[in-house]
N, C-alpha and C. Protein backbone atom coordinates (compact mmCIF):
# COMPACT_ATOMS: atom_id res chain seq x y z
N MET A 1 4.42 29.94 -11.94
CA MET A 1 3.38 29.09 -11.30
C MET A 1 3.70 27.64 -11.35
N ALA A 2 3.84 27.06 -10.32
CA ALA A 2 4.32 25.54 -10.22
C ALA A 2 3.15 24.71 -10.40
N THR A 3 3.35 23.74 -11.12
CA THR A 3 2.20 22.68 -11.35
C THR A 3 2.43 21.57 -10.41
N ASN A 4 1.47 20.92 -9.86
CA ASN A 4 1.60 19.79 -9.05
C ASN A 4 1.37 18.53 -9.78
N VAL A 5 2.33 18.24 -10.65
CA VAL A 5 2.36 16.98 -11.48
C VAL A 5 3.07 15.82 -10.78
N PRO A 6 2.32 14.76 -10.53
CA PRO A 6 3.04 13.69 -9.75
C PRO A 6 4.02 12.95 -10.69
N THR A 7 5.16 12.49 -10.00
CA THR A 7 6.11 11.87 -10.76
C THR A 7 5.59 10.39 -11.22
N ASP A 8 6.31 9.73 -11.99
CA ASP A 8 5.92 8.36 -12.40
C ASP A 8 6.04 7.42 -11.11
N GLU A 9 7.00 7.74 -10.29
CA GLU A 9 7.19 6.91 -9.09
C GLU A 9 5.87 7.08 -8.20
N ALA A 10 5.49 8.21 -8.06
CA ALA A 10 4.31 8.53 -7.19
C ALA A 10 3.11 7.88 -7.80
N LEU A 11 2.92 7.93 -9.08
CA LEU A 11 1.78 7.25 -9.67
C LEU A 11 1.81 5.71 -9.44
N LEU A 12 2.99 5.21 -9.62
CA LEU A 12 3.05 3.73 -9.35
C LEU A 12 2.87 3.34 -7.88
N ALA A 13 3.27 4.20 -7.00
CA ALA A 13 3.09 3.95 -5.53
C ALA A 13 1.65 4.06 -5.07
N SER A 14 0.91 4.92 -5.84
CA SER A 14 -0.49 5.23 -5.40
C SER A 14 -1.45 3.98 -5.57
N GLY A 15 -2.36 3.88 -4.63
CA GLY A 15 -3.31 2.89 -4.77
C GLY A 15 -4.48 3.34 -5.56
N ASP A 16 -4.51 4.66 -5.97
CA ASP A 16 -5.61 5.14 -6.78
C ASP A 16 -5.54 4.59 -8.14
N PRO A 17 -6.68 4.02 -8.65
CA PRO A 17 -6.74 3.42 -10.03
C PRO A 17 -6.47 4.56 -10.98
N GLY A 18 -6.91 5.71 -10.76
CA GLY A 18 -6.62 6.78 -11.72
C GLY A 18 -5.19 7.19 -11.86
N ALA A 19 -4.44 6.84 -10.85
CA ALA A 19 -2.96 7.16 -10.99
C ALA A 19 -2.34 6.28 -11.92
N PHE A 20 -2.65 4.93 -12.05
CA PHE A 20 -2.07 4.10 -13.11
C PHE A 20 -2.53 4.46 -14.45
N ASP A 21 -3.83 4.98 -14.42
CA ASP A 21 -4.38 5.52 -15.80
C ASP A 21 -3.47 6.63 -16.29
N ARG A 22 -3.07 7.50 -15.31
CA ARG A 22 -2.14 8.69 -15.75
C ARG A 22 -0.84 8.14 -16.19
N LEU A 23 -0.32 7.21 -15.58
CA LEU A 23 0.94 6.57 -16.01
C LEU A 23 0.73 6.02 -17.41
N TYR A 24 -0.28 5.30 -17.62
CA TYR A 24 -0.59 4.73 -18.92
C TYR A 24 -0.66 5.74 -20.04
N ARG A 25 -1.33 6.87 -19.74
CA ARG A 25 -1.49 7.95 -20.74
C ARG A 25 -0.11 8.46 -21.00
N ARG A 26 0.79 8.62 -20.10
CA ARG A 26 2.08 9.26 -20.27
C ARG A 26 2.91 8.36 -21.22
N HIS A 27 2.80 7.11 -21.03
CA HIS A 27 3.79 6.26 -21.67
C HIS A 27 3.15 5.25 -22.85
N ALA A 28 1.86 5.25 -22.89
CA ALA A 28 1.24 4.23 -23.90
C ALA A 28 1.75 4.54 -25.26
N GLU A 29 1.66 5.72 -25.76
CA GLU A 29 1.98 6.12 -27.11
C GLU A 29 3.57 5.71 -27.48
N ASP A 30 4.36 6.02 -26.54
CA ASP A 30 5.73 5.61 -26.74
C ASP A 30 5.97 4.14 -26.78
N LEU A 31 5.38 3.34 -25.89
CA LEU A 31 5.46 2.03 -26.08
C LEU A 31 4.86 1.43 -27.17
N LEU A 32 3.61 1.87 -27.62
CA LEU A 32 2.93 1.43 -28.74
C LEU A 32 4.08 1.75 -30.05
N GLY A 33 4.61 2.89 -30.08
CA GLY A 33 5.54 3.13 -31.19
C GLY A 33 6.72 2.16 -31.14
N TYR A 34 7.25 1.85 -29.85
CA TYR A 34 8.29 0.99 -29.71
C TYR A 34 7.99 -0.33 -30.40
N PHE A 35 6.74 -0.90 -30.03
CA PHE A 35 6.26 -2.19 -30.60
C PHE A 35 6.06 -2.09 -32.01
N ALA A 36 5.57 -0.96 -32.58
CA ALA A 36 5.16 -0.87 -33.93
C ALA A 36 6.50 -0.92 -34.69
N ARG A 37 7.46 -0.29 -34.24
CA ARG A 37 8.75 -0.33 -34.94
C ARG A 37 9.40 -1.79 -34.99
N ARG A 38 9.19 -2.46 -33.88
CA ARG A 38 9.78 -3.69 -33.74
C ARG A 38 9.14 -4.79 -34.57
N THR A 39 7.80 -4.71 -34.49
CA THR A 39 6.93 -5.76 -35.10
C THR A 39 6.49 -5.51 -36.60
N ARG A 40 6.41 -4.24 -36.79
CA ARG A 40 5.79 -3.82 -38.15
C ARG A 40 4.42 -4.45 -38.35
N ASP A 41 3.71 -4.62 -37.14
CA ASP A 41 2.37 -5.19 -37.14
C ASP A 41 1.57 -4.38 -36.22
N PRO A 42 0.62 -3.45 -36.63
CA PRO A 42 -0.05 -2.65 -35.64
C PRO A 42 -0.94 -3.41 -34.59
N GLU A 43 -1.50 -4.50 -35.11
CA GLU A 43 -2.40 -5.27 -34.22
C GLU A 43 -1.52 -6.01 -33.19
N LEU A 44 -0.35 -6.53 -33.48
CA LEU A 44 0.51 -7.13 -32.55
C LEU A 44 1.05 -6.07 -31.60
N ALA A 45 1.39 -4.95 -32.21
CA ALA A 45 1.90 -3.71 -31.27
C ALA A 45 0.90 -3.39 -30.24
N ALA A 46 -0.41 -3.33 -30.65
CA ALA A 46 -1.44 -2.94 -29.67
C ALA A 46 -1.59 -4.07 -28.68
N ASP A 47 -1.55 -5.27 -28.95
CA ASP A 47 -1.62 -6.39 -28.14
C ASP A 47 -0.45 -6.38 -27.10
N LEU A 48 0.67 -6.10 -27.59
CA LEU A 48 1.88 -6.19 -26.68
C LEU A 48 1.81 -4.99 -25.86
N THR A 49 1.38 -3.76 -26.28
CA THR A 49 1.27 -2.75 -25.40
C THR A 49 0.17 -3.07 -24.25
N ALA A 50 -0.97 -3.50 -24.47
CA ALA A 50 -1.96 -3.85 -23.65
C ALA A 50 -1.32 -4.83 -22.55
N GLU A 51 -0.65 -5.89 -23.07
CA GLU A 51 -0.13 -6.87 -22.25
C GLU A 51 0.96 -6.36 -21.28
N THR A 52 1.75 -5.44 -21.82
CA THR A 52 2.83 -4.77 -20.99
C THR A 52 2.12 -3.91 -19.87
N PHE A 53 1.19 -3.24 -20.14
CA PHE A 53 0.54 -2.45 -19.06
C PHE A 53 -0.25 -3.27 -18.18
N ALA A 54 -0.79 -4.31 -18.60
CA ALA A 54 -1.59 -5.29 -17.68
C ALA A 54 -0.56 -5.94 -16.80
N ALA A 55 0.63 -6.31 -17.19
CA ALA A 55 1.58 -6.94 -16.41
C ALA A 55 2.22 -5.91 -15.43
N ALA A 56 2.33 -4.59 -15.98
CA ALA A 56 2.87 -3.49 -15.09
C ALA A 56 1.84 -3.15 -14.00
N LEU A 57 0.59 -3.16 -14.30
CA LEU A 57 -0.39 -2.98 -13.25
C LEU A 57 -0.47 -4.09 -12.17
N ALA A 58 -0.35 -5.28 -12.63
CA ALA A 58 -0.35 -6.52 -11.77
C ALA A 58 0.86 -6.43 -10.93
N SER A 59 1.94 -6.06 -11.32
CA SER A 59 3.27 -6.00 -10.56
C SER A 59 3.73 -4.74 -10.06
N ARG A 60 2.89 -3.73 -10.08
CA ARG A 60 3.31 -2.28 -9.73
C ARG A 60 3.91 -2.21 -8.21
N ARG A 61 3.45 -2.94 -7.50
CA ARG A 61 3.98 -2.99 -6.09
C ARG A 61 5.43 -3.46 -5.95
N ARG A 62 5.87 -4.27 -6.94
CA ARG A 62 7.17 -4.77 -6.87
C ARG A 62 8.27 -3.79 -7.46
N TYR A 63 7.66 -2.65 -8.07
CA TYR A 63 8.60 -1.67 -8.54
C TYR A 63 9.37 -1.04 -7.45
N ARG A 64 10.69 -1.00 -7.67
CA ARG A 64 11.60 -0.26 -6.65
C ARG A 64 12.25 1.00 -7.23
N PRO A 65 11.87 2.19 -6.69
CA PRO A 65 12.40 3.47 -7.28
C PRO A 65 13.83 3.59 -7.42
N GLY A 66 14.64 2.90 -6.47
CA GLY A 66 16.08 2.92 -6.52
C GLY A 66 16.75 2.16 -7.66
N ALA A 67 15.86 1.21 -8.26
CA ALA A 67 16.28 0.33 -9.21
C ALA A 67 16.30 1.02 -10.64
N GLY A 68 15.75 2.20 -10.86
CA GLY A 68 15.69 2.80 -12.14
C GLY A 68 14.42 3.50 -12.26
N ALA A 69 14.31 4.33 -13.37
CA ALA A 69 13.20 5.05 -13.79
C ALA A 69 11.94 4.20 -14.06
N PRO A 70 10.76 4.55 -13.85
CA PRO A 70 9.65 3.89 -14.05
C PRO A 70 9.53 3.48 -15.65
N ALA A 71 9.92 4.43 -16.42
CA ALA A 71 9.84 4.29 -17.94
C ALA A 71 10.80 3.14 -18.33
N ALA A 72 12.00 3.04 -17.64
CA ALA A 72 12.91 1.95 -17.93
C ALA A 72 12.27 0.61 -17.44
N TRP A 73 11.64 0.69 -16.31
CA TRP A 73 10.93 -0.52 -15.79
C TRP A 73 9.88 -1.05 -16.75
N LEU A 74 9.06 0.02 -17.31
CA LEU A 74 8.06 -0.46 -18.38
C LEU A 74 8.74 -0.99 -19.56
N TYR A 75 9.80 -0.43 -20.02
CA TYR A 75 10.44 -0.98 -21.18
C TYR A 75 11.08 -2.31 -20.98
N GLY A 76 11.46 -2.56 -19.78
CA GLY A 76 11.98 -3.85 -19.36
C GLY A 76 10.85 -4.96 -19.56
N ILE A 77 9.70 -4.58 -19.04
CA ILE A 77 8.54 -5.53 -19.19
C ILE A 77 8.16 -5.59 -20.63
N ALA A 78 8.29 -4.56 -21.36
CA ALA A 78 7.94 -4.57 -22.83
C ALA A 78 8.90 -5.51 -23.59
N MET A 79 10.18 -5.27 -23.28
CA MET A 79 11.20 -6.21 -23.84
C MET A 79 10.94 -7.66 -23.72
N HIS A 80 10.57 -8.01 -22.45
CA HIS A 80 10.25 -9.48 -22.16
C HIS A 80 9.02 -9.88 -22.99
N LYS A 81 7.91 -9.00 -23.06
CA LYS A 81 6.71 -9.41 -23.70
C LYS A 81 7.11 -9.48 -25.27
N LEU A 82 7.94 -8.68 -25.78
CA LEU A 82 8.23 -8.75 -27.25
C LEU A 82 9.09 -10.06 -27.42
N THR A 83 10.07 -10.28 -26.64
CA THR A 83 10.83 -11.52 -26.79
C THR A 83 10.07 -12.73 -26.75
N ASP A 84 9.12 -12.86 -25.77
CA ASP A 84 8.09 -13.91 -25.64
C ASP A 84 7.29 -14.11 -26.98
N ALA A 85 6.71 -12.99 -27.41
CA ALA A 85 5.90 -13.01 -28.59
C ALA A 85 6.64 -13.48 -29.83
N GLN A 86 7.93 -13.03 -29.89
CA GLN A 86 8.67 -13.48 -31.14
C GLN A 86 9.09 -14.95 -30.98
N ARG A 87 9.33 -15.39 -29.82
CA ARG A 87 9.55 -16.86 -29.59
C ARG A 87 8.21 -17.74 -29.88
N ARG A 88 7.15 -17.18 -29.48
CA ARG A 88 5.97 -18.03 -29.61
C ARG A 88 5.24 -17.84 -30.90
N GLY A 89 5.41 -16.48 -31.60
CA GLY A 89 4.80 -16.21 -32.76
C GLY A 89 3.46 -15.62 -32.58
N TYR A 90 3.13 -15.13 -31.24
CA TYR A 90 1.95 -14.41 -30.97
C TYR A 90 2.07 -13.75 -29.64
N ALA A 91 1.24 -12.75 -29.28
CA ALA A 91 1.31 -12.04 -28.00
C ALA A 91 0.51 -12.88 -26.97
N GLU A 92 1.17 -13.14 -25.84
CA GLU A 92 0.46 -13.82 -24.86
C GLU A 92 -0.49 -12.81 -24.23
N ASP A 93 -1.68 -13.25 -23.73
CA ASP A 93 -2.72 -12.28 -23.09
C ASP A 93 -3.10 -12.63 -21.80
N ARG A 94 -2.29 -13.50 -21.09
CA ARG A 94 -2.60 -13.91 -19.76
C ARG A 94 -2.80 -12.81 -18.79
N ALA A 95 -1.82 -11.79 -18.72
CA ALA A 95 -2.02 -10.70 -17.86
C ALA A 95 -3.05 -9.85 -18.04
N ARG A 96 -3.47 -9.63 -19.36
CA ARG A 96 -4.59 -8.73 -19.72
C ARG A 96 -5.82 -9.46 -19.23
N ARG A 97 -6.05 -10.72 -19.45
CA ARG A 97 -7.21 -11.45 -19.10
C ARG A 97 -7.32 -11.53 -17.56
N ARG A 98 -6.14 -11.68 -16.86
CA ARG A 98 -6.14 -11.78 -15.41
C ARG A 98 -6.70 -10.56 -14.86
N MET A 99 -6.35 -9.32 -15.43
CA MET A 99 -6.74 -7.95 -15.05
C MET A 99 -8.18 -7.71 -15.44
N GLY A 100 -8.77 -8.59 -16.24
CA GLY A 100 -10.16 -8.28 -16.64
C GLY A 100 -10.14 -7.25 -17.76
N MET A 101 -9.23 -7.09 -18.58
CA MET A 101 -9.14 -6.10 -19.59
C MET A 101 -9.53 -6.73 -20.95
N GLU A 102 -10.36 -6.06 -21.68
CA GLU A 102 -10.81 -6.69 -22.88
C GLU A 102 -9.81 -6.38 -24.02
N ARG A 103 -9.76 -7.26 -25.05
CA ARG A 103 -8.82 -7.00 -26.11
C ARG A 103 -9.25 -5.80 -26.99
N LEU A 104 -8.41 -4.93 -27.40
CA LEU A 104 -8.80 -3.92 -28.20
C LEU A 104 -9.25 -4.29 -29.60
N SER A 105 -10.24 -3.60 -30.06
CA SER A 105 -10.69 -3.82 -31.44
C SER A 105 -10.19 -2.53 -32.21
N LEU A 106 -9.30 -2.77 -33.21
CA LEU A 106 -8.76 -1.66 -33.87
C LEU A 106 -9.48 -1.43 -35.22
N ASP A 107 -9.79 -0.17 -35.54
CA ASP A 107 -10.28 0.11 -36.90
C ASP A 107 -9.15 0.70 -37.75
N ASP A 108 -9.47 0.98 -39.06
CA ASP A 108 -8.46 1.44 -39.97
C ASP A 108 -7.75 2.69 -39.49
N ASP A 109 -8.42 3.64 -38.86
CA ASP A 109 -7.74 4.82 -38.39
C ASP A 109 -6.70 4.46 -37.23
N ASP A 110 -7.08 3.56 -36.36
CA ASP A 110 -6.14 3.07 -35.32
C ASP A 110 -4.94 2.52 -35.81
N LEU A 111 -5.13 1.54 -36.87
CA LEU A 111 -4.06 0.97 -37.55
C LEU A 111 -3.12 1.96 -38.22
N ALA A 112 -3.67 2.96 -38.85
CA ALA A 112 -2.88 4.00 -39.52
C ALA A 112 -2.02 4.75 -38.53
N ARG A 113 -2.65 5.10 -37.29
CA ARG A 113 -1.97 5.87 -36.27
C ARG A 113 -0.97 5.09 -35.87
N ILE A 114 -1.08 3.72 -35.45
CA ILE A 114 -0.02 2.93 -34.99
C ILE A 114 1.12 2.77 -35.92
N GLU A 115 0.82 2.61 -37.16
CA GLU A 115 1.84 2.49 -38.25
C GLU A 115 2.66 3.84 -38.23
N SER A 116 2.08 4.99 -38.06
CA SER A 116 2.69 6.34 -38.10
C SER A 116 3.62 6.40 -36.82
N LEU A 117 3.38 5.74 -35.77
CA LEU A 117 4.23 5.73 -34.60
C LEU A 117 5.45 4.96 -34.86
N ALA A 118 5.39 4.02 -35.73
CA ALA A 118 6.61 3.31 -36.12
C ALA A 118 7.82 4.15 -36.72
N GLU A 119 7.30 5.39 -37.18
CA GLU A 119 8.30 6.37 -37.66
C GLU A 119 9.12 6.86 -36.61
N GLY A 120 8.78 6.84 -35.35
CA GLY A 120 9.63 7.07 -34.14
C GLY A 120 9.80 8.66 -33.93
N ARG A 121 8.79 9.36 -33.93
CA ARG A 121 8.91 10.86 -33.60
C ARG A 121 9.44 10.99 -32.24
N ARG A 122 8.92 10.31 -31.20
CA ARG A 122 9.46 10.51 -29.90
C ARG A 122 10.84 10.00 -29.76
N ALA A 123 11.17 8.89 -30.45
CA ALA A 123 12.46 8.19 -30.41
C ALA A 123 13.43 9.20 -30.94
N ALA A 124 13.18 9.89 -32.07
CA ALA A 124 14.06 10.64 -32.75
C ALA A 124 14.38 11.87 -31.85
N ALA A 125 13.34 12.44 -31.12
CA ALA A 125 13.48 13.52 -30.13
C ALA A 125 14.41 13.10 -29.12
N LEU A 126 14.40 11.90 -28.61
CA LEU A 126 15.18 11.45 -27.53
C LEU A 126 16.70 11.39 -27.95
N LEU A 127 16.86 11.20 -29.25
CA LEU A 127 18.33 11.11 -29.75
C LEU A 127 18.87 12.42 -29.98
N GLU A 128 18.18 13.58 -30.08
CA GLU A 128 18.70 14.82 -30.20
C GLU A 128 19.68 15.15 -29.13
N GLY A 129 20.77 15.74 -29.57
CA GLY A 129 21.63 16.12 -28.38
C GLY A 129 22.79 15.11 -28.21
N LEU A 130 22.67 13.79 -28.79
CA LEU A 130 23.64 12.88 -28.66
C LEU A 130 24.69 12.99 -29.63
N ALA A 131 25.88 12.46 -29.42
CA ALA A 131 26.88 12.53 -30.44
C ALA A 131 26.35 11.82 -31.74
N PRO A 132 26.69 12.39 -32.91
CA PRO A 132 26.15 11.73 -34.16
C PRO A 132 26.46 10.31 -34.26
N ASP A 133 27.74 9.77 -33.80
CA ASP A 133 28.08 8.42 -33.92
C ASP A 133 27.11 7.54 -33.04
N GLN A 134 26.72 8.24 -31.90
CA GLN A 134 25.79 7.39 -31.00
C GLN A 134 24.37 7.37 -31.52
N GLN A 135 23.91 8.48 -32.12
CA GLN A 135 22.65 8.43 -32.84
C GLN A 135 22.55 7.48 -33.92
N GLN A 136 23.58 7.45 -34.74
CA GLN A 136 23.61 6.48 -35.78
C GLN A 136 23.59 5.06 -35.37
N ALA A 137 24.32 4.76 -34.32
CA ALA A 137 24.35 3.39 -33.75
C ALA A 137 23.06 2.98 -33.11
N ILE A 138 22.45 3.88 -32.40
CA ILE A 138 21.14 3.65 -31.78
C ILE A 138 20.12 3.36 -32.91
N ARG A 139 20.12 4.30 -33.88
CA ARG A 139 19.07 4.15 -34.94
C ARG A 139 19.16 2.83 -35.64
N ALA A 140 20.36 2.42 -35.79
CA ALA A 140 20.57 1.16 -36.54
C ALA A 140 20.21 -0.03 -35.73
N HIS A 141 20.65 -0.03 -34.47
CA HIS A 141 20.52 -1.20 -33.54
C HIS A 141 19.00 -1.27 -33.06
N VAL A 142 18.55 -0.07 -32.51
CA VAL A 142 17.42 -0.12 -31.77
C VAL A 142 16.09 0.16 -32.61
N MET A 143 16.24 1.25 -33.57
CA MET A 143 15.12 1.48 -34.39
C MET A 143 14.94 0.63 -35.62
N GLU A 144 16.11 0.17 -36.21
CA GLU A 144 16.10 -0.52 -37.31
C GLU A 144 16.17 -2.09 -37.09
N ASP A 145 16.53 -2.31 -35.88
CA ASP A 145 16.69 -3.82 -35.38
C ASP A 145 17.75 -4.46 -36.09
N ARG A 146 18.88 -3.74 -36.34
CA ARG A 146 20.00 -4.50 -37.01
C ARG A 146 21.00 -4.96 -35.89
N ASP A 147 21.70 -6.08 -36.23
CA ASP A 147 22.58 -6.58 -35.12
C ASP A 147 23.81 -5.85 -35.24
N TYR A 148 24.59 -6.00 -34.12
CA TYR A 148 25.87 -5.27 -33.99
C TYR A 148 26.89 -5.55 -35.06
N ASN A 149 26.98 -6.83 -35.46
CA ASN A 149 27.95 -7.25 -36.42
C ASN A 149 27.67 -6.60 -37.79
N GLU A 150 26.42 -6.46 -38.12
CA GLU A 150 26.01 -5.93 -39.47
C GLU A 150 26.34 -4.42 -39.50
N ILE A 151 26.01 -3.76 -38.29
CA ILE A 151 26.24 -2.31 -38.29
C ILE A 151 27.75 -2.06 -38.33
N ALA A 152 28.57 -2.86 -37.57
CA ALA A 152 30.01 -2.73 -37.66
C ALA A 152 30.52 -2.86 -39.08
N GLY A 153 30.08 -3.85 -39.75
CA GLY A 153 30.47 -3.99 -41.12
C GLY A 153 30.16 -2.87 -42.09
N SER A 154 29.04 -2.34 -41.90
CA SER A 154 28.57 -1.17 -42.73
C SER A 154 29.26 0.04 -42.48
N LEU A 155 29.72 0.30 -41.19
CA LEU A 155 30.60 1.46 -40.83
C LEU A 155 32.03 1.25 -40.80
N ALA A 156 32.50 -0.04 -41.07
CA ALA A 156 33.95 -0.29 -41.06
C ALA A 156 34.62 -0.05 -39.79
N ILE A 157 33.75 -0.42 -38.66
CA ILE A 157 34.35 -0.32 -37.36
C ILE A 157 34.19 -1.60 -36.66
N SER A 158 34.79 -1.80 -35.49
CA SER A 158 34.59 -3.13 -34.67
C SER A 158 33.28 -3.24 -34.07
N GLU A 159 32.79 -4.36 -33.95
CA GLU A 159 31.49 -4.56 -33.20
C GLU A 159 31.58 -4.09 -31.74
N SER A 160 32.65 -4.05 -31.07
CA SER A 160 32.77 -3.57 -29.75
C SER A 160 32.64 -2.04 -29.73
N VAL A 161 33.03 -1.37 -30.79
CA VAL A 161 32.91 0.05 -30.83
C VAL A 161 31.44 0.38 -31.03
N VAL A 162 30.63 -0.40 -31.87
CA VAL A 162 29.25 -0.24 -32.01
C VAL A 162 28.49 -0.40 -30.69
N ARG A 163 28.90 -1.48 -29.95
CA ARG A 163 28.27 -1.78 -28.62
C ARG A 163 28.37 -0.55 -27.73
N LYS A 164 29.65 -0.09 -27.74
CA LYS A 164 29.92 1.06 -26.79
C LYS A 164 29.11 2.31 -27.16
N ARG A 165 29.01 2.58 -28.42
CA ARG A 165 28.22 3.76 -28.89
C ARG A 165 26.78 3.52 -28.54
N VAL A 166 26.19 2.39 -28.74
CA VAL A 166 24.84 2.09 -28.34
C VAL A 166 24.73 2.27 -26.88
N SER A 167 25.56 1.57 -26.13
CA SER A 167 25.43 1.53 -24.61
C SER A 167 25.50 3.01 -24.11
N ARG A 168 26.51 3.80 -24.46
CA ARG A 168 26.68 5.10 -24.05
C ARG A 168 25.47 6.06 -24.43
N GLY A 169 25.06 5.84 -25.69
CA GLY A 169 23.94 6.66 -26.15
C GLY A 169 22.67 6.32 -25.34
N LEU A 170 22.42 5.09 -25.15
CA LEU A 170 21.20 4.72 -24.39
C LEU A 170 21.29 5.10 -22.92
N ALA A 171 22.49 5.09 -22.37
CA ALA A 171 22.65 5.62 -21.05
C ALA A 171 22.33 7.12 -20.97
N ALA A 172 22.73 7.79 -21.89
CA ALA A 172 22.37 9.39 -22.02
C ALA A 172 20.93 9.48 -22.16
N VAL A 173 20.27 8.71 -22.93
CA VAL A 173 18.91 8.83 -23.25
C VAL A 173 18.15 8.48 -21.88
N ARG A 174 18.60 7.42 -21.18
CA ARG A 174 17.91 6.97 -19.88
C ARG A 174 18.11 8.20 -18.84
N ARG A 175 19.30 8.85 -18.87
CA ARG A 175 19.48 9.96 -17.90
C ARG A 175 18.44 11.16 -18.31
N ARG A 176 18.30 11.38 -19.64
CA ARG A 176 17.39 12.50 -19.96
C ARG A 176 16.06 12.05 -19.73
N MET A 177 15.63 10.74 -19.92
CA MET A 177 14.24 10.32 -19.54
C MET A 177 13.95 10.49 -18.04
N GLY A 178 15.00 10.28 -17.28
CA GLY A 178 14.84 10.45 -15.78
C GLY A 178 14.60 11.74 -15.40
N ALA A 179 15.33 12.64 -16.17
CA ALA A 179 15.26 14.08 -15.75
C ALA A 179 13.90 14.66 -16.26
N GLU A 180 13.40 14.09 -17.34
CA GLU A 180 12.00 14.62 -17.72
C GLU A 180 10.84 14.16 -16.93
N ARG A 181 11.08 13.24 -16.03
CA ARG A 181 9.94 12.76 -15.18
C ARG A 181 9.40 13.77 -14.38
């Protein structure tokens, strides 16, 4: 029995407000975990997730399917939001306010759940099937936020080898994410 589950591209292209809500529900927890691992601050992670989706909602018409998977597009927005927040010392809330979205109020249960996402269950699942050296390099660089030089020193290999392992591993993960859409 075939299910009629719309692709992420179809959800982005739809003018139906419920379509973007479905896209949000598909990717919010993964993005929240991404921010939680990077910031180690549940409230900042929640703010950055909200700001990422507000910016995505505002710019969804500019998404071009041929340019990459919607998840990659979302993570591109997320990386910009994270970089801006790290530079400023706080999460910008301009897009969220422009879209009329209220700031989330988090309770202790919310904070605990966000902190548990920092453990990276989904991220670990995405790494399954990669070569062990690629898994190790991605965990160190992406999940532990270590720089290439530090990783190279700890593994007694060149920085360029670490970069290749991370690049090839992430390319394989992106292909897998595209196949799961």
